[in-house]
Amino acid sequence: MQSVFESVARYFSVLGEPTRLRILHALCQEEKCVNGLIRETGLAQANASRHLGLMYQAGLLSRRREGTQVFYRVADPLYIELCRTVSTQMLARADAELSPPGQGVVAAPRPFPANEKEPTSV
């Protein structure tokens, strides 16, 4: 059981960095090349490459090479769902704290949108 706890701790340590969450958010709809991720996140090339490498080594991302470009995608939709659940709860909690007493809480936006390209099971 100890090894399971260690694996979970490593998993959460990778997700515990805001820059990596931004990268994950940028990839939750589709795979992107490194340059596309840099444009979307505003990260410097070296910083993006470092975080992408860590996320790839941890198994959060998979990658493929096409010519000179490297494309990254989320390795398992579970990672997106986990971040979506936690982020939505945090937004809802913040909205509830900021809402005037007696007023309903407005539904928070989904910070990690659902991947509309994923097939749905029936």
Protein backbone atom coordinates (compact mmCIF):
# COMPACT_ATOMS: atom_id res chain seq x y z
CA MET A 1 0.00 0.00 0.00
CA GLN A 2 2.94 2.33 0.65
CA SER A 3 3.91 2.26 -3.04
CA VAL A 4 0.37 3.30 -3.99
CA PHE A 5 0.56 6.30 -1.66
CA GLU A 6 3.94 7.26 -3.11
CA SER A 7 2.56 7.05 -6.66
CA VAL A 8 -0.43 9.20 -5.75
CA ALA A 9 1.84 11.76 -4.07
CA ARG A 10 4.04 11.98 -7.19
CA TYR A 11 0.94 12.36 -9.35
CA PHE A 12 -0.41 15.24 -7.26
CA SER A 13 3.00 16.91 -7.01
CA VAL A 14 3.07 17.18 -10.80
CA LEU A 15 -0.44 18.68 -10.83
CA GLY A 16 0.41 20.96 -7.91
CA GLU A 17 2.15 23.55 -10.09
CA PRO A 18 -0.04 26.30 -11.65
CA THR A 19 1.96 26.42 -14.89
CA ARG A 20 1.36 22.71 -15.46
CA LEU A 21 -2.35 23.18 -14.83
CA ARG A 22 -2.35 25.91 -17.49
CA ILE A 23 -0.68 23.50 -19.92
CA LEU A 24 -3.19 20.77 -19.06
CA HIS A 25 -6.02 23.25 -19.57
CA ALA A 26 -4.62 24.21 -22.98
CA LEU A 27 -4.53 20.53 -23.98
CA CYS A 28 -7.92 19.44 -22.66
CA GLN A 29 -9.69 19.89 -26.02
CA GLU A 30 -7.05 18.65 -28.45
CA GLU A 31 -3.39 17.94 -28.94
CA LYS A 32 -1.15 20.88 -29.71
CA CYS A 33 2.38 21.45 -30.93
CA VAL A 34 4.87 23.10 -28.60
CA ASN A 35 4.64 26.42 -30.46
CA GLY A 36 0.84 26.37 -30.16
CA LEU A 37 1.12 25.77 -26.43
CA ILE A 38 3.60 28.61 -26.07
CA ARG A 39 1.24 30.98 -27.90
CA GLU A 40 -1.77 29.89 -25.84
CA THR A 41 -0.10 29.92 -22.43
CA GLY A 42 2.35 32.79 -22.92
CA LEU A 43 5.21 30.68 -21.56
CA ALA A 44 8.79 31.06 -22.71
CA GLN A 45 10.13 28.20 -24.87
CA ALA A 46 12.55 26.90 -22.22
CA ASN A 47 9.95 27.06 -19.44
CA ALA A 48 7.31 25.30 -21.56
CA SER A 49 9.75 22.58 -22.61
CA ARG A 50 10.78 21.94 -19.02
CA HIS A 51 7.19 21.56 -17.81
CA LEU A 52 6.16 19.47 -20.82
CA GLY A 53 9.11 17.15 -20.19
CA LEU A 54 8.16 16.69 -16.54
CA MET A 55 4.51 16.07 -17.42
CA TYR A 56 5.52 13.57 -20.11
CA GLN A 57 7.89 11.71 -17.75
CA ALA A 58 5.14 11.56 -15.11
CA GLY A 59 2.75 10.00 -17.64
CA LEU A 60 0.27 12.89 -17.74
CA LEU A 61 1.04 13.66 -21.37
CA SER A 62 1.86 11.63 -24.42
CA ARG A 63 3.62 13.01 -27.46
CA ARG A 64 4.29 12.36 -31.10
CA ARG A 65 6.74 13.83 -33.55
CA GLU A 66 5.67 15.09 -36.96
CA GLY A 67 8.67 16.34 -38.92
CA THR A 68 10.36 18.92 -36.72
CA GLN A 69 7.32 19.52 -34.53
CA VAL A 70 6.37 17.70 -31.34
CA PHE A 71 2.68 17.41 -30.48
CA TYR A 72 1.46 16.80 -26.93
CA ARG A 73 -1.88 15.47 -25.74
CA VAL A 74 -3.35 14.43 -22.41
CA ALA A 75 -2.52 10.76 -21.85
CA ASP A 76 -5.67 9.93 -19.87
CA PRO A 77 -8.99 11.87 -19.76
CA LEU A 78 -9.08 11.11 -16.02
CA TYR A 79 -6.49 13.87 -15.49
CA ILE A 80 -8.77 16.44 -17.11
CA GLU A 81 -11.80 15.21 -15.17
CA LEU A 82 -9.92 15.43 -11.88
CA CYS A 83 -8.76 19.00 -12.58
CA ARG A 84 -12.23 19.95 -13.79
CA THR A 85 -13.86 18.62 -10.62
CA VAL A 86 -11.44 20.35 -8.26
CA SER A 87 -11.45 23.64 -10.21
CA THR A 88 -15.24 23.74 -10.43
CA GLN A 89 -15.55 23.15 -6.69
CA MET A 90 -13.00 25.88 -5.94
CA LEU A 91 -14.84 28.35 -8.20
CA ALA A 92 -18.20 27.47 -6.64
CA ARG A 93 -16.76 27.95 -3.15
CA ALA A 94 -15.29 31.34 -4.12
CA ASP A 95 -18.62 32.40 -5.69
CA ALA A 96 -20.50 31.38 -2.55
CA GLU A 97 -18.13 33.41 -0.38
CA LEU A 98 -18.51 36.48 -2.60
CA SER A 99 -22.30 36.28 -3.11
CA PRO A 100 -24.42 38.66 -1.03
CA PRO A 101 -26.45 36.89 1.68
CA GLY A 102 -29.83 35.69 0.44
CA GLN A 103 -28.78 35.72 -3.21
CA GLY A 104 -28.34 32.56 -5.22
CA VAL A 105 -24.92 31.48 -6.34
CA VAL A 106 -24.31 31.80 -10.06
CA ALA A 107 -23.03 28.63 -11.67
CA ALA A 108 -19.29 28.82 -12.15
CA PRO A 109 -17.85 28.35 -15.64
CA ARG A 110 -16.13 25.06 -16.39
CA PRO A 111 -12.41 25.81 -16.17
CA PHE A 112 -11.50 22.55 -17.93
CA PRO A 113 -14.06 22.22 -20.74
CA ALA A 114 -15.25 18.80 -21.76
CA ASN A 115 -13.51 17.33 -24.76
CA GLU A 116 -16.24 17.35 -27.37
CA LYS A 117 -14.19 15.05 -29.58
CA GLU A 118 -14.32 12.17 -27.11
CA PRO A 119 -16.81 9.48 -28.08
CA THR A 120 -19.63 9.05 -25.61
CA SER A 121 -20.58 5.58 -24.49
CA VAL A 122 -24.20 4.48 -24.69
